[in-house]
Protein backbone atom coordinates (compact mmCIF):
# COMPACT_ATOMS: atom_id res chain seq x y z
CA UNK A 1 50.21 231.76 134.21
CA UNK A 2 46.67 231.44 135.62
CA UNK A 3 43.81 233.24 133.91
CA UNK A 4 42.27 236.25 135.55
CA UNK A 5 38.78 236.19 137.03
CA UNK A 6 37.49 238.32 134.13
CA UNK A 7 38.87 235.98 131.61
CA UNK A 8 37.23 233.07 133.43
CA UNK A 9 33.90 234.86 133.36
CA UNK A 10 34.27 235.47 129.65
CA UNK A 11 34.92 231.82 128.99
CA UNK A 12 32.04 230.76 131.14
CA UNK A 13 29.67 232.99 129.07
CA UNK A 14 30.90 231.51 125.82
CA UNK A 15 30.69 227.86 126.89
CA UNK A 16 27.23 226.41 126.37
CA UNK A 17 25.30 225.67 129.60
CA UNK A 18 23.73 222.23 130.05
CA UNK A 19 20.61 222.20 132.20
CA UNK A 20 17.82 219.84 132.89
CA UNK A 21 14.61 221.36 131.51
CA UNK A 22 11.06 219.93 131.54
CA UNK A 23 9.14 221.81 128.90
CA UNK A 24 5.39 221.30 128.62
CA UNK A 25 4.40 224.84 127.78
CA UNK A 26 2.70 226.24 124.68
CA UNK A 27 3.73 225.97 121.08
CA UNK A 28 4.22 229.69 121.20
CA UNK A 29 6.87 229.29 123.91
CA UNK A 30 8.50 226.16 122.61
CA UNK A 31 8.44 226.21 118.74
CA UNK A 32 9.18 228.42 115.71
CA UNK A 33 7.42 228.02 112.43
CA UNK A 34 10.11 227.25 109.81
CA UNK A 35 8.29 227.11 106.50
CA UNK A 36 4.81 227.09 104.99
CA UNK A 37 3.61 230.48 106.22
CA UNK A 38 -0.08 230.38 107.19
CA UNK A 39 -0.14 226.63 106.44
CA UNK A 40 1.26 226.16 109.92
CA UNK A 41 -1.20 227.38 112.60
CA UNK A 42 -0.77 227.50 116.32
CA UNK A 43 -4.30 227.20 117.81
CA UNK A 44 -6.17 227.02 121.16
CA UNK A 45 -3.94 229.53 122.98
CA UNK A 46 -0.78 227.65 122.03
CA UNK A 47 -1.99 224.22 123.02
CA UNK A 48 -2.39 222.87 119.44
CA UNK A 49 -0.56 223.15 116.24
CA UNK A 50 -1.70 222.13 112.76
CA UNK A 51 0.38 221.65 109.61
CA UNK A 52 -1.05 221.73 106.06
CA UNK A 53 0.15 220.71 102.65
CA UNK A 54 -1.08 221.89 99.19
CA UNK A 55 0.44 221.63 95.76
CA UNK A 56 2.46 224.71 96.38
CA UNK A 57 4.09 223.95 99.78
CA UNK A 58 4.16 221.93 102.92
CA UNK A 59 4.84 223.34 106.36
CA UNK A 60 6.92 222.73 109.46
CA UNK A 61 8.26 223.85 112.78
CA UNK A 62 11.27 223.41 115.07
CA UNK A 63 12.05 223.84 118.75
CA UNK A 64 13.47 227.08 119.98
CA UNK A 65 16.04 225.08 122.06
CA UNK A 66 18.64 222.40 121.40
CA UNK A 67 18.99 219.29 123.61
CA UNK A 68 21.60 216.80 124.43
CA UNK A 69 19.75 213.60 125.62
CA UNK A 70 16.21 213.47 126.94
CA UNK A 71 12.69 212.20 126.54
CA UNK A 72 10.51 213.95 123.83
CA UNK A 73 6.76 213.29 123.67
CA UNK A 74 4.40 214.57 121.01
CA UNK A 75 0.75 213.76 120.35
CA UNK A 76 -0.16 213.51 116.68
CA UNK A 77 -3.32 212.97 114.61
CA UNK A 78 -2.32 212.11 111.12
CA UNK A 79 -3.76 213.20 107.67
CA UNK A 80 -7.11 211.33 107.29
CA UNK A 81 -8.57 209.68 104.12
CA UNK A 82 -6.40 209.50 101.01
CA UNK A 83 -2.98 210.55 102.40
CA UNK A 84 -0.94 208.90 99.62
CA UNK A 85 2.26 210.75 98.86
CA UNK A 86 2.36 212.76 102.03
CA UNK A 87 4.92 212.41 104.83
CA UNK A 88 4.28 213.71 108.32
CA UNK A 89 7.27 213.87 110.60
CA UNK A 90 8.40 214.24 114.26
CA UNK A 91 12.16 214.01 114.73
CA UNK A 92 15.37 215.19 116.31
CA UNK A 93 18.24 216.57 114.30
CA UNK A 94 21.48 218.41 114.55
CA UNK A 95 22.78 220.66 111.71
CA UNK A 96 25.65 220.67 109.27
CA UNK A 97 27.87 218.08 107.65
CA UNK A 98 28.01 214.78 109.67
CA UNK A 99 24.73 215.57 111.34
CA UNK A 100 22.86 213.28 113.76
CA UNK A 101 19.12 212.52 113.51
CA UNK A 102 16.46 210.36 115.12
CA UNK A 103 13.38 209.92 112.98
CA UNK A 104 9.67 209.23 113.18
CA UNK A 105 8.20 209.59 109.72
CA UNK A 106 4.55 208.71 108.82
CA UNK A 107 4.15 207.69 105.28
CA UNK A 108 0.61 208.19 103.99
CA UNK A 109 -1.37 205.77 101.85
CA UNK A 110 -4.51 205.50 99.73
CA UNK A 111 -7.85 205.38 101.50
CA UNK A 112 -8.25 202.06 103.40
CA UNK A 113 -4.57 201.09 103.46
CA UNK A 114 -2.41 201.53 106.47
CA UNK A 115 0.11 204.20 107.24
CA UNK A 116 3.76 203.08 107.36
CA UNK A 117 5.71 204.23 110.34
CA UNK A 118 9.28 204.76 109.20
CA UNK A 119 12.07 205.01 111.82
CA UNK A 120 15.74 205.73 111.23
CA UNK A 121 18.86 206.76 113.15
CA UNK A 122 21.65 208.88 111.71
CA UNK A 123 25.00 209.43 113.28
CA UNK A 124 27.83 211.42 111.76
CA UNK A 125 25.73 211.88 108.64
CA UNK A 126 25.18 208.11 107.98
CA UNK A 127 21.78 206.53 108.31
CA UNK A 128 20.58 203.39 106.50
CA UNK A 129 19.11 201.97 109.73
CA UNK A 130 15.43 201.85 108.80
CA UNK A 131 12.72 199.91 110.54
CA UNK A 132 9.09 200.25 109.48
CA UNK A 133 5.85 199.33 111.08
CA UNK A 134 2.16 199.22 110.47
CA UNK A 135 0.03 200.44 113.46
CA UNK A 136 -2.47 198.43 115.48
CA UNK A 137 -4.93 201.35 115.49
CA UNK A 138 -6.16 204.16 113.10
CA UNK A 139 -3.67 207.10 113.60
CA UNK A 140 -6.05 209.45 111.89
CA UNK A 141 -9.10 208.89 114.20
CA UNK A 142 -7.62 210.28 117.43
CA UNK A 143 -4.41 211.66 118.95
CA UNK A 144 -1.67 209.15 119.92
CA UNK A 145 1.61 209.80 121.73
CA UNK A 146 4.87 209.25 119.92
CA UNK A 147 8.01 209.30 122.09
CA UNK A 148 11.80 209.39 121.47
CA UNK A 149 13.93 208.48 124.51
CA UNK A 150 17.57 209.34 123.81
CA UNK A 151 20.29 208.69 126.40
CA UNK A 152 23.94 207.72 126.29
CA UNK A 153 23.15 203.95 126.23
CA UNK A 154 20.40 203.65 123.72
CA UNK A 155 17.50 205.23 121.76
CA UNK A 156 13.95 203.98 122.33
CA UNK A 157 11.04 204.70 120.03
CA UNK A 158 7.63 204.38 121.73
CA UNK A 159 4.03 204.68 120.65
CA UNK A 160 1.48 205.27 123.39
CA UNK A 161 4.31 204.19 125.78
CA UNK A 162 4.72 200.87 123.98
CA UNK A 163 8.33 200.43 122.81
CA UNK A 164 8.56 199.58 119.10
CA UNK A 165 12.25 199.93 118.52
CA UNK A 166 15.57 200.11 120.42
CA UNK A 167 18.88 201.26 118.94
CA UNK A 168 21.65 200.55 121.34
CA UNK A 169 24.94 202.34 121.69
CA UNK A 170 27.49 200.02 120.11
CA UNK A 171 30.16 202.58 119.65
CA UNK A 172 32.68 200.25 121.25
CA UNK A 173 32.24 198.00 118.25
CA UNK A 174 32.67 200.84 115.84
CA UNK A 175 29.03 201.73 115.24
CA UNK A 176 28.47 205.46 115.28
CA UNK A 177 25.98 206.60 117.92
CA UNK A 178 24.50 210.14 118.44
CA UNK A 179 26.05 211.41 121.62
CA UNK A 180 27.97 214.64 121.17
CA UNK A 181 25.83 216.88 118.86
CA UNK A 182 22.91 218.80 120.40
CA UNK A 183 19.67 218.43 118.49
CA UNK A 184 16.45 220.35 117.94
CA UNK A 185 12.93 218.94 117.72
CA UNK A 186 11.46 219.17 114.21
CA UNK A 187 8.11 218.40 112.62
CA UNK A 188 6.88 218.78 109.11
CA UNK A 189 4.27 217.81 106.53
CA UNK A 190 5.43 217.55 102.90
CA UNK A 191 4.95 215.89 99.61
CA UNK A 192 7.16 212.89 98.80
CA UNK A 193 5.07 211.08 96.22
CA UNK A 194 8.26 210.01 94.35
CA UNK A 195 8.91 207.42 97.09
CA UNK A 196 6.61 207.60 100.08
CA UNK A 197 3.65 205.41 99.06
CA UNK A 198 4.21 201.93 97.71
CA UNK A 199 7.65 202.92 96.45
CA UNK A 200 6.33 205.96 94.61
CA UNK A 201 3.75 204.06 92.48
CA UNK A 202 0.84 205.96 94.23
CA UNK A 203 0.98 209.67 93.75
CA UNK A 204 -0.60 212.57 95.73
CA UNK A 205 -4.15 213.37 94.77
CA UNK A 206 -4.11 217.13 94.84
CA UNK A 207 -7.91 217.23 94.50
CA UNK A 208 -7.95 216.22 98.16
CA UNK A 209 -5.66 219.09 99.27
CA UNK A 210 -5.18 220.70 101.67
CA UNK A 211 -3.87 217.81 103.71
CA UNK A 212 -3.72 218.50 107.48
CA UNK A 213 -1.93 216.84 110.40
CA UNK A 214 -2.50 217.91 114.05
CA UNK A 215 0.07 218.15 116.93
CA UNK A 216 -0.46 218.74 120.65
CA UNK A 217 1.01 218.17 124.11
CA UNK A 218 4.73 218.45 123.26
CA UNK A 219 6.88 217.73 126.24
CA UNK A 220 10.66 217.67 126.51
CA UNK A 221 12.09 216.29 129.72
CA UNK A 222 15.69 216.74 128.52
CA UNK A 223 19.07 218.41 128.90
CA UNK A 224 18.72 221.85 127.27
CA UNK A 225 21.90 223.24 125.73
CA UNK A 226 22.62 226.90 125.04
CA UNK A 227 24.47 229.96 126.20
CA UNK A 228 21.43 231.48 127.90
CA UNK A 229 19.65 228.30 129.01
CA UNK A 230 17.56 228.63 132.21
CA UNK A 231 16.23 225.52 133.89
CA UNK A 232 12.41 225.36 134.03
CA UNK A 233 12.49 222.21 136.08
CA UNK A 234 12.77 221.47 139.80
CA UNK A 235 15.30 219.30 141.52
CA UNK A 236 12.59 216.62 141.72
CA UNK A 237 12.00 216.25 137.97
CA UNK A 238 12.04 212.75 136.88
CA UNK A 239 15.20 211.88 134.91
CA UNK A 240 14.44 208.21 134.53
CA UNK A 241 15.05 208.61 130.77
CA UNK A 242 18.71 209.07 131.44
CA UNK A 243 19.11 205.36 132.20
CA UNK A 244 15.96 204.03 130.64
CA UNK A 245 16.03 200.59 129.05
CA UNK A 246 13.45 197.80 128.73
CA UNK A 247 12.25 195.69 131.59
CA UNK A 248 10.70 192.24 131.08
CA UNK A 249 7.28 193.76 130.24
CA UNK A 250 8.88 196.15 127.76
CA UNK A 251 10.78 193.34 126.09
CA UNK A 252 7.49 191.36 125.73
CA UNK A 253 5.85 194.35 124.18
CA UNK A 254 8.52 195.11 121.71
CA UNK A 255 8.62 191.44 120.63
CA UNK A 256 4.87 191.61 120.04
CA UNK A 257 5.22 194.72 117.94
CA UNK A 258 8.11 193.48 115.94
CA UNK A 259 6.57 190.06 115.40
CA UNK A 260 3.09 191.35 114.45
CA UNK A 261 3.53 194.82 113.05
CA UNK A 262 7.06 195.24 111.61
CA UNK A 263 7.07 195.39 107.86
CA UNK A 264 10.81 196.15 107.21
CA UNK A 265 14.03 195.73 109.20
CA UNK A 266 17.37 196.65 107.59
CA UNK A 267 18.94 193.91 109.86
CA UNK A 268 17.10 191.28 107.83
CA UNK A 269 17.93 192.73 104.39
CA UNK A 270 20.80 190.60 103.13
CA UNK A 271 20.15 191.62 99.54
CA UNK A 272 20.89 195.26 100.55
CA UNK A 273 23.95 194.27 102.48
CA UNK A 274 25.54 191.34 100.40
CA UNK A 275 28.92 191.71 102.16
CA UNK A 276 27.36 191.16 105.60
CA UNK A 277 24.80 192.79 107.81
CA UNK A 278 25.86 195.88 109.84
CA UNK A 279 27.70 195.12 113.05
CA UNK A 280 24.83 196.17 115.35
CA UNK A 281 22.55 193.60 113.76
CA UNK A 282 24.71 190.80 115.21
CA UNK A 283 24.13 191.95 118.77
CA UNK A 284 21.25 191.68 121.29
CA UNK A 285 18.26 193.70 120.08
CA UNK A 286 16.95 194.65 123.49
CA UNK A 287 18.91 195.51 126.70
């Protein structure tokens, strides 16, 4: 028996709609403050957002919309001076058990010592795919652009449009890859002095509080998911991210970053994986 038109309409309303949306509006339009109260401030008519941390609480925000694949850009200026014990974040995550997550975390340090850029990928609730880097510039002196490209073939982490990491889809070899769960964009500033700086040996100096990180120019050129999604893009929007990989110049740049600035790679940690490195570590790093 074929369903009636009314039933089809009902089903159509229930099923989430997938649209291409290019969002470069204000933080008022794109984000909700999730914790920290007045420690999170939207400034300059919605163009800027600052997060603060004191001994009582950190702060954070999340996107109003969920996305399934896209390119996500955010400009950040990190906590200056003695930032030891603090963690500033910009990441994608789904919710619930077996969640997916794609992380940029910025681990603070004592004055004069470099930030550690911590990247990780979770799929079906399992992470343990960390790569860490020191930057080739001072991330507290000016804004820099941090980008996550997420498509069905790979995830690319970029800093000022320079690729620093690629995580390829090796699902055919049994390696979980985030590809079915929509994710929101999240950002936060919080205290993690039990592990963040030199393995937890250097603690947060609360006499320097409040600590403040600044965000601006968020852009999501992405597939927005939701029952009431409305496309804000035109047919001419650039969807290059949907098939984006690395060309020869990109491969040269990522080799430079990983040779000169990588400080930890789980794929080299045989002590951590005494029974053999993860399957994806055996395959080509860059496609």
